[in-house]
């Protein structure tokens, strides 16, 4: 897509990062208090090894994905979103592929995510990239009724 840049998070984008994620969380009635820690403190996650990519287009932040290392071999995807007016343009594909590539580069063996059955388009995208449904045993989020993982090795 012409003009689309995928950039690493900078603190000056914290407001856009928060608002973009709050929009979809509230739209699908998935917002909960547990979301606030990352939305309010992305720098804390980055200090602990996370990488947040932002999609920048038309002078706006229009997408985001956070890759949070759980240990040396496992990453979790958090706060993966594309703005409503920018969906179906390939931005989510680009963000997800860059995230997977980063995990491979960092020698990860597994990427997992927790999601909701309300997010059918996102679930289809994950499946397209080879993520498989696994049993939800415990979760960070009360609203998460789906867990998926991608084996890289």
N, C-alpha and C. Protein backbone atom coordinates (compact mmCIF):
# COMPACT_ATOMS: atom_id res chain seq x y z
N UNK A 1 0.85 -1.18 0.00
CA UNK A 1 0.00 0.00 0.00
C UNK A 1 0.89 1.24 0.00
N UNK A 2 0.61 2.13 -0.89
CA UNK A 2 1.45 3.32 -1.05
C UNK A 2 1.34 4.25 0.16
N UNK A 3 2.50 4.64 0.67
CA UNK A 3 2.55 5.56 1.79
C UNK A 3 2.51 4.91 3.16
N UNK A 4 2.22 3.62 3.22
CA UNK A 4 2.15 2.92 4.51
C UNK A 4 3.55 2.69 5.04
N UNK A 5 3.76 3.10 6.28
CA UNK A 5 5.03 2.83 6.97
C UNK A 5 4.72 2.03 8.23
N UNK A 6 5.52 1.02 8.49
CA UNK A 6 5.44 0.31 9.76
C UNK A 6 6.63 0.80 10.58
N UNK A 7 6.33 1.42 11.70
CA UNK A 7 7.37 2.03 12.53
C UNK A 7 7.33 1.42 13.92
N UNK A 8 8.44 1.52 14.64
CA UNK A 8 8.44 1.07 16.03
C UNK A 8 7.83 2.16 16.90
N UNK A 9 7.18 1.72 17.95
CA UNK A 9 6.52 2.62 18.89
C UNK A 9 7.49 3.66 19.45
N UNK A 10 7.01 4.87 19.55
CA UNK A 10 7.69 5.95 20.27
C UNK A 10 6.66 6.55 21.23
N UNK A 11 7.14 7.03 22.35
CA UNK A 11 6.25 7.54 23.40
C UNK A 11 5.31 8.63 22.89
N UNK A 12 5.73 9.39 21.88
CA UNK A 12 4.87 10.46 21.37
C UNK A 12 3.57 9.93 20.75
N UNK A 13 3.51 8.60 20.50
CA UNK A 13 2.30 7.99 19.93
C UNK A 13 1.43 7.30 20.97
N UNK A 14 1.73 7.49 22.25
CA UNK A 14 0.99 6.78 23.30
C UNK A 14 -0.51 7.07 23.24
N UNK A 15 -0.88 8.32 23.03
CA UNK A 15 -2.30 8.68 22.98
C UNK A 15 -3.00 7.96 21.83
N UNK A 16 -2.39 7.94 20.64
CA UNK A 16 -2.98 7.26 19.49
C UNK A 16 -3.06 5.75 19.73
N UNK A 17 -1.99 5.19 20.31
CA UNK A 17 -1.95 3.77 20.63
C UNK A 17 -3.12 3.42 21.56
N UNK A 18 -3.29 4.21 22.59
CA UNK A 18 -4.36 3.96 23.56
C UNK A 18 -5.75 4.10 22.91
N UNK A 19 -5.96 5.19 22.19
CA UNK A 19 -7.27 5.46 21.61
C UNK A 19 -7.65 4.43 20.55
N UNK A 20 -6.69 4.03 19.73
CA UNK A 20 -6.96 3.03 18.69
C UNK A 20 -7.41 1.72 19.32
N UNK A 21 -6.74 1.29 20.36
CA UNK A 21 -7.10 0.04 21.01
C UNK A 21 -8.38 0.16 21.83
N UNK A 22 -8.56 1.28 22.52
CA UNK A 22 -9.80 1.45 23.29
C UNK A 22 -11.02 1.44 22.37
N UNK A 23 -10.87 1.98 21.17
CA UNK A 23 -11.99 2.03 20.23
C UNK A 23 -12.52 0.62 19.94
N UNK A 24 -11.63 -0.29 19.54
CA UNK A 24 -12.13 -1.63 19.18
C UNK A 24 -12.54 -2.42 20.43
N UNK A 25 -11.83 -2.22 21.53
CA UNK A 25 -12.21 -2.94 22.75
C UNK A 25 -13.63 -2.56 23.19
N UNK A 26 -13.94 -1.27 23.13
CA UNK A 26 -15.28 -0.82 23.54
C UNK A 26 -16.33 -1.17 22.50
N UNK A 27 -15.96 -1.07 21.22
CA UNK A 27 -16.90 -1.39 20.14
C UNK A 27 -17.41 -2.83 20.26
N UNK A 28 -16.52 -3.74 20.62
CA UNK A 28 -16.91 -5.15 20.74
C UNK A 28 -17.23 -5.56 22.18
N UNK A 29 -17.34 -4.56 23.07
CA UNK A 29 -17.65 -4.78 24.49
C UNK A 29 -16.65 -5.74 25.13
N UNK A 30 -15.36 -5.52 24.84
CA UNK A 30 -14.30 -6.37 25.37
C UNK A 30 -13.37 -5.63 26.34
N UNK A 31 -13.59 -4.34 26.51
CA UNK A 31 -12.71 -3.58 27.40
C UNK A 31 -12.84 -4.08 28.84
N UNK A 32 -11.69 -4.21 29.49
CA UNK A 32 -11.67 -4.52 30.92
C UNK A 32 -10.46 -3.85 31.55
N UNK A 33 -10.45 -3.75 32.84
CA UNK A 33 -9.39 -3.05 33.57
C UNK A 33 -8.00 -3.59 33.23
N UNK A 34 -7.89 -4.89 32.94
CA UNK A 34 -6.59 -5.50 32.64
C UNK A 34 -5.95 -4.89 31.38
N UNK A 35 -6.76 -4.27 30.52
CA UNK A 35 -6.22 -3.64 29.31
C UNK A 35 -5.42 -2.38 29.62
N UNK A 36 -5.77 -1.71 30.69
CA UNK A 36 -5.18 -0.40 30.98
C UNK A 36 -3.67 -0.43 31.19
N UNK A 37 -3.15 -1.49 31.77
CA UNK A 37 -1.71 -1.48 32.09
C UNK A 37 -0.86 -1.30 30.83
N UNK A 38 -1.14 -2.07 29.80
CA UNK A 38 -0.39 -1.91 28.55
C UNK A 38 -0.74 -0.60 27.86
N UNK A 39 -2.02 -0.24 27.82
CA UNK A 39 -2.42 0.99 27.13
C UNK A 39 -1.84 2.23 27.77
N UNK A 40 -1.70 2.22 29.09
CA UNK A 40 -1.17 3.39 29.80
C UNK A 40 0.35 3.35 29.95
N UNK A 41 0.96 2.17 29.82
CA UNK A 41 2.39 2.01 30.11
C UNK A 41 3.13 1.19 29.05
N UNK A 42 2.97 1.49 27.78
CA UNK A 42 3.67 0.67 26.78
C UNK A 42 5.18 0.67 26.97
N UNK A 43 5.72 1.75 27.49
CA UNK A 43 7.17 1.83 27.71
C UNK A 43 7.64 0.75 28.70
N UNK A 44 6.81 0.40 29.67
CA UNK A 44 7.17 -0.65 30.64
C UNK A 44 7.31 -1.99 29.93
N UNK A 45 6.41 -2.26 29.01
CA UNK A 45 6.49 -3.51 28.25
C UNK A 45 7.74 -3.52 27.37
N UNK A 46 8.01 -2.40 26.74
CA UNK A 46 9.19 -2.29 25.87
C UNK A 46 10.47 -2.49 26.68
N UNK A 47 10.52 -1.90 27.88
CA UNK A 47 11.69 -2.08 28.76
C UNK A 47 11.91 -3.55 29.08
N UNK A 48 10.83 -4.31 29.13
CA UNK A 48 10.90 -5.74 29.45
C UNK A 48 11.02 -6.62 28.21
N UNK A 49 11.32 -6.01 27.06
CA UNK A 49 11.60 -6.78 25.86
C UNK A 49 10.53 -6.78 24.79
N UNK A 50 9.38 -6.19 25.04
CA UNK A 50 8.32 -6.16 24.03
C UNK A 50 8.68 -5.23 22.88
N UNK A 51 8.09 -5.50 21.75
CA UNK A 51 8.19 -4.61 20.59
C UNK A 51 6.78 -4.26 20.16
N UNK A 52 6.56 -2.97 19.95
CA UNK A 52 5.26 -2.51 19.45
C UNK A 52 5.50 -1.86 18.10
N UNK A 53 4.78 -2.36 17.10
CA UNK A 53 4.83 -1.76 15.78
C UNK A 53 3.56 -0.97 15.55
N UNK A 54 3.71 0.15 14.85
CA UNK A 54 2.58 1.01 14.51
C UNK A 54 2.52 1.15 13.00
N UNK A 55 1.31 1.12 12.46
CA UNK A 55 1.11 1.39 11.03
C UNK A 55 0.81 2.88 10.90
N UNK A 56 1.59 3.56 10.08
CA UNK A 56 1.49 5.00 9.90
C UNK A 56 1.10 5.27 8.44
N UNK A 57 -0.04 5.94 8.25
CA UNK A 57 -0.54 6.24 6.92
C UNK A 57 -1.36 7.52 6.98
N UNK A 58 -1.23 8.34 5.96
CA UNK A 58 -1.99 9.60 5.89
C UNK A 58 -1.79 10.45 7.15
N UNK A 59 -0.56 10.47 7.66
CA UNK A 59 -0.22 11.23 8.87
C UNK A 59 -0.98 10.77 10.11
N UNK A 60 -1.43 9.53 10.11
CA UNK A 60 -2.15 8.98 11.25
C UNK A 60 -1.59 7.61 11.62
N UNK A 61 -1.73 7.26 12.89
CA UNK A 61 -1.47 5.89 13.34
C UNK A 61 -2.76 5.13 13.09
N UNK A 62 -2.70 4.13 12.19
CA UNK A 62 -3.91 3.42 11.78
C UNK A 62 -3.89 1.94 12.15
N UNK A 63 -2.81 1.49 12.79
CA UNK A 63 -2.74 0.10 13.20
C UNK A 63 -1.66 -0.10 14.24
N UNK A 64 -1.77 -1.22 14.96
CA UNK A 64 -0.81 -1.51 16.01
C UNK A 64 -0.76 -3.02 16.30
N UNK A 65 0.41 -3.46 16.73
CA UNK A 65 0.58 -4.83 17.22
C UNK A 65 1.70 -4.81 18.25
N UNK A 66 1.50 -5.53 19.33
CA UNK A 66 2.52 -5.66 20.38
C UNK A 66 2.94 -7.12 20.44
N UNK A 67 4.25 -7.35 20.44
CA UNK A 67 4.82 -8.69 20.58
C UNK A 67 5.57 -8.73 21.89
N UNK A 68 5.02 -9.46 22.83
CA UNK A 68 5.52 -9.47 24.19
C UNK A 68 6.18 -10.82 24.49
N UNK A 69 7.50 -10.81 24.78
CA UNK A 69 8.15 -12.09 25.09
C UNK A 69 7.71 -12.60 26.47
N UNK A 70 7.30 -13.86 26.50
CA UNK A 70 6.92 -14.50 27.76
C UNK A 70 8.15 -15.18 28.36
N UNK A 71 8.96 -15.75 27.48
CA UNK A 71 10.24 -16.35 27.85
C UNK A 71 11.12 -16.38 26.59
N UNK A 72 12.21 -17.11 26.60
CA UNK A 72 13.13 -17.11 25.45
C UNK A 72 12.55 -17.73 24.18
N UNK A 73 11.49 -18.53 24.31
CA UNK A 73 10.97 -19.23 23.14
C UNK A 73 9.51 -18.90 22.81
N UNK A 74 8.87 -18.08 23.63
CA UNK A 74 7.44 -17.83 23.45
C UNK A 74 7.13 -16.33 23.48
N UNK A 75 6.34 -15.91 22.50
CA UNK A 75 5.86 -14.52 22.44
C UNK A 75 4.35 -14.52 22.46
N UNK A 76 3.79 -13.43 22.98
CA UNK A 76 2.35 -13.24 22.97
C UNK A 76 2.03 -12.01 22.13
N UNK A 77 0.99 -12.11 21.31
CA UNK A 77 0.49 -10.95 20.57
C UNK A 77 -0.55 -10.26 21.43
N UNK A 78 -0.36 -8.96 21.60
CA UNK A 78 -1.30 -8.13 22.35
C UNK A 78 -1.66 -6.90 21.52
N UNK A 79 -2.82 -6.39 21.72
CA UNK A 79 -3.28 -5.12 21.15
C UNK A 79 -2.98 -5.01 19.65
N UNK A 80 -3.55 -5.94 18.91
CA UNK A 80 -3.45 -5.97 17.45
C UNK A 80 -4.72 -5.33 16.91
N UNK A 81 -4.57 -4.20 16.20
CA UNK A 81 -5.75 -3.46 15.75
C UNK A 81 -5.45 -2.66 14.49
N UNK A 82 -6.49 -2.44 13.71
CA UNK A 82 -6.44 -1.53 12.56
C UNK A 82 -7.67 -0.64 12.66
N UNK A 83 -7.49 0.65 12.43
CA UNK A 83 -8.60 1.62 12.49
C UNK A 83 -9.70 1.25 11.50
N UNK A 84 -10.93 1.52 11.89
CA UNK A 84 -12.08 1.16 11.06
C UNK A 84 -11.96 1.63 9.61
N UNK A 85 -11.58 2.85 9.38
CA UNK A 85 -11.52 3.38 8.02
C UNK A 85 -10.39 2.81 7.18
N UNK A 86 -9.55 1.97 7.77
CA UNK A 86 -8.36 1.45 7.08
C UNK A 86 -8.35 -0.08 6.99
N UNK A 87 -9.46 -0.70 7.33
CA UNK A 87 -9.52 -2.16 7.26
C UNK A 87 -9.65 -2.62 5.80
N UNK A 88 -9.25 -3.86 5.57
CA UNK A 88 -9.32 -4.48 4.25
C UNK A 88 -8.36 -3.85 3.24
N UNK A 89 -7.31 -3.21 3.73
CA UNK A 89 -6.29 -2.62 2.86
C UNK A 89 -4.96 -3.38 2.98
N UNK A 90 -4.94 -4.44 3.77
CA UNK A 90 -3.73 -5.23 3.93
C UNK A 90 -2.84 -4.80 5.09
N UNK A 91 -3.30 -3.83 5.87
CA UNK A 91 -2.49 -3.31 6.98
C UNK A 91 -2.34 -4.37 8.07
N UNK A 92 -3.43 -5.05 8.41
CA UNK A 92 -3.36 -6.12 9.42
C UNK A 92 -2.42 -7.23 8.97
N UNK A 93 -2.49 -7.61 7.70
CA UNK A 93 -1.59 -8.62 7.15
C UNK A 93 -0.14 -8.20 7.32
N UNK A 94 0.14 -6.96 6.98
CA UNK A 94 1.51 -6.45 7.06
C UNK A 94 2.01 -6.44 8.51
N UNK A 95 1.18 -5.95 9.43
CA UNK A 95 1.57 -5.92 10.85
C UNK A 95 1.81 -7.34 11.38
N UNK A 96 0.91 -8.25 11.06
CA UNK A 96 1.04 -9.61 11.57
C UNK A 96 2.29 -10.28 10.99
N UNK A 97 2.55 -10.08 9.70
CA UNK A 97 3.73 -10.69 9.09
C UNK A 97 5.02 -10.13 9.68
N UNK A 98 5.07 -8.85 9.92
CA UNK A 98 6.25 -8.24 10.54
C UNK A 98 6.44 -8.78 11.95
N UNK A 99 5.33 -8.95 12.67
CA UNK A 99 5.40 -9.51 14.02
C UNK A 99 5.92 -10.94 14.01
N UNK A 100 5.42 -11.76 13.10
CA UNK A 100 5.88 -13.14 12.99
C UNK A 100 7.37 -13.17 12.62
N UNK A 101 7.75 -12.32 11.70
CA UNK A 101 9.17 -12.26 11.29
C UNK A 101 10.07 -11.88 12.45
N UNK A 102 9.64 -10.93 13.27
CA UNK A 102 10.42 -10.54 14.44
C UNK A 102 10.60 -11.72 15.39
N UNK A 103 9.52 -12.45 15.62
CA UNK A 103 9.59 -13.60 16.52
C UNK A 103 10.55 -14.66 15.98
N UNK A 104 10.50 -14.91 14.67
CA UNK A 104 11.42 -15.87 14.06
C UNK A 104 12.86 -15.39 14.20
N UNK A 105 13.07 -14.13 13.95
CA UNK A 105 14.42 -13.53 14.07
C UNK A 105 14.95 -13.69 15.49
N UNK A 106 14.06 -13.61 16.46
CA UNK A 106 14.44 -13.74 17.87
C UNK A 106 14.43 -15.19 18.35
N UNK A 107 14.33 -16.14 17.40
CA UNK A 107 14.42 -17.58 17.67
C UNK A 107 13.26 -18.11 18.51
N UNK A 108 12.12 -17.44 18.42
CA UNK A 108 10.94 -17.94 19.13
C UNK A 108 10.48 -19.25 18.51
N UNK A 109 9.87 -20.08 19.33
CA UNK A 109 9.31 -21.35 18.87
C UNK A 109 7.79 -21.29 18.77
N UNK A 110 7.18 -20.43 19.59
CA UNK A 110 5.72 -20.34 19.65
C UNK A 110 5.28 -18.89 19.80
N UNK A 111 4.22 -18.55 19.10
CA UNK A 111 3.53 -17.27 19.30
C UNK A 111 2.10 -17.62 19.69
N UNK A 112 1.59 -17.01 20.76
CA UNK A 112 0.20 -17.27 21.13
C UNK A 112 -0.55 -15.96 21.31
N UNK A 113 -1.84 -16.07 21.36
CA UNK A 113 -2.69 -14.90 21.59
C UNK A 113 -3.97 -15.37 22.25
N UNK A 114 -4.57 -14.46 22.96
CA UNK A 114 -5.89 -14.67 23.54
C UNK A 114 -6.82 -13.72 22.83
N UNK A 115 -8.01 -14.20 22.49
CA UNK A 115 -8.92 -13.37 21.71
C UNK A 115 -10.35 -13.67 22.13
N UNK A 116 -11.27 -13.18 21.32
CA UNK A 116 -12.69 -13.36 21.59
C UNK A 116 -13.38 -13.88 20.34
N UNK A 117 -14.38 -14.72 20.54
CA UNK A 117 -15.16 -15.22 19.42
C UNK A 117 -15.93 -14.09 18.73
N UNK A 118 -16.01 -12.92 19.35
CA UNK A 118 -16.65 -11.75 18.72
C UNK A 118 -15.81 -11.18 17.58
N UNK A 119 -14.53 -11.52 17.52
CA UNK A 119 -13.60 -10.91 16.56
C UNK A 119 -13.35 -11.85 15.38
N UNK A 120 -14.41 -12.17 14.65
CA UNK A 120 -14.34 -13.17 13.59
C UNK A 120 -13.32 -12.83 12.49
N UNK A 121 -13.24 -11.57 12.09
CA UNK A 121 -12.29 -11.21 11.04
C UNK A 121 -10.85 -11.42 11.50
N UNK A 122 -10.57 -11.06 12.72
CA UNK A 122 -9.21 -11.25 13.26
C UNK A 122 -8.90 -12.75 13.35
N UNK A 123 -9.86 -13.53 13.79
CA UNK A 123 -9.63 -14.98 13.92
C UNK A 123 -9.33 -15.61 12.56
N UNK A 124 -10.04 -15.17 11.53
CA UNK A 124 -9.78 -15.67 10.16
C UNK A 124 -8.38 -15.31 9.71
N UNK A 125 -7.94 -14.10 10.05
CA UNK A 125 -6.59 -13.67 9.68
C UNK A 125 -5.55 -14.54 10.38
N UNK A 126 -5.73 -14.78 11.66
CA UNK A 126 -4.79 -15.64 12.39
C UNK A 126 -4.74 -17.04 11.77
N UNK A 127 -5.90 -17.58 11.46
CA UNK A 127 -5.95 -18.91 10.85
C UNK A 127 -5.22 -18.93 9.50
N UNK A 128 -5.38 -17.87 8.74
CA UNK A 128 -4.71 -17.75 7.44
C UNK A 128 -3.18 -17.85 7.60
N UNK A 129 -2.67 -17.36 8.70
CA UNK A 129 -1.23 -17.38 8.96
C UNK A 129 -0.79 -18.65 9.69
N UNK A 130 -1.70 -19.58 9.91
CA UNK A 130 -1.33 -20.86 10.48
C UNK A 130 -1.55 -20.99 11.98
N UNK A 131 -2.13 -20.00 12.62
CA UNK A 131 -2.44 -20.12 14.05
C UNK A 131 -3.53 -21.17 14.22
N UNK A 132 -3.39 -21.97 15.27
CA UNK A 132 -4.36 -23.02 15.55
C UNK A 132 -4.99 -22.78 16.91
N UNK A 133 -6.25 -23.17 17.02
CA UNK A 133 -6.97 -23.04 18.29
C UNK A 133 -6.43 -24.05 19.29
N UNK A 134 -6.22 -23.59 20.51
CA UNK A 134 -5.81 -24.47 21.60
C UNK A 134 -6.75 -24.22 22.78
N UNK A 135 -6.73 -25.12 23.72
CA UNK A 135 -7.62 -25.02 24.88
C UNK A 135 -7.27 -23.79 25.72
N UNK A 136 -8.31 -23.08 26.13
CA UNK A 136 -8.14 -21.94 27.04
C UNK A 136 -8.15 -22.51 28.46
N UNK A 137 -6.98 -22.46 29.12
CA UNK A 137 -6.90 -22.98 30.48
C UNK A 137 -6.96 -21.85 31.49
N UNK A 138 -6.12 -20.87 31.29
CA UNK A 138 -6.19 -19.66 32.11
C UNK A 138 -5.89 -18.49 31.19
N UNK A 139 -6.35 -17.32 31.56
CA UNK A 139 -6.23 -16.18 30.67
C UNK A 139 -6.00 -14.90 31.47
N UNK A 140 -5.35 -13.93 30.82
CA UNK A 140 -5.16 -12.61 31.43
C UNK A 140 -6.48 -11.83 31.44
N UNK A 141 -7.34 -12.17 30.47
CA UNK A 141 -8.52 -11.35 30.21
C UNK A 141 -9.80 -12.15 30.42
N UNK A 142 -10.71 -11.60 31.18
CA UNK A 142 -11.99 -12.24 31.45
C UNK A 142 -12.76 -12.47 30.15
N UNK A 143 -12.64 -11.55 29.20
CA UNK A 143 -13.41 -11.62 27.96
C UNK A 143 -12.79 -12.56 26.92
N UNK A 144 -11.60 -13.09 27.18
CA UNK A 144 -10.94 -13.99 26.21
C UNK A 144 -11.54 -15.39 26.31
N UNK A 145 -12.19 -15.81 25.23
CA UNK A 145 -12.74 -17.17 25.20
C UNK A 145 -12.05 -18.03 24.14
N UNK A 146 -11.01 -17.47 23.53
CA UNK A 146 -10.26 -18.18 22.49
C UNK A 146 -8.77 -17.99 22.74
N UNK A 147 -8.04 -19.08 22.53
CA UNK A 147 -6.59 -19.00 22.58
C UNK A 147 -6.08 -19.69 21.31
N UNK A 148 -5.10 -19.06 20.68
CA UNK A 148 -4.53 -19.61 19.46
C UNK A 148 -3.01 -19.56 19.57
N UNK A 149 -2.36 -20.49 18.84
CA UNK A 149 -0.91 -20.44 18.82
C UNK A 149 -0.38 -20.84 17.45
N UNK A 150 0.80 -20.33 17.17
CA UNK A 150 1.52 -20.64 15.94
C UNK A 150 2.85 -21.23 16.33
N UNK A 151 3.10 -22.46 15.90
CA UNK A 151 4.38 -23.12 16.15
C UNK A 151 5.34 -22.70 15.04
N UNK A 152 6.48 -22.15 15.43
CA UNK A 152 7.48 -21.71 14.45
C UNK A 152 8.53 -22.76 14.22
N UNK A 153 8.63 -23.75 15.13
CA UNK A 153 9.63 -24.84 14.98
C UNK A 153 8.96 -26.17 15.17
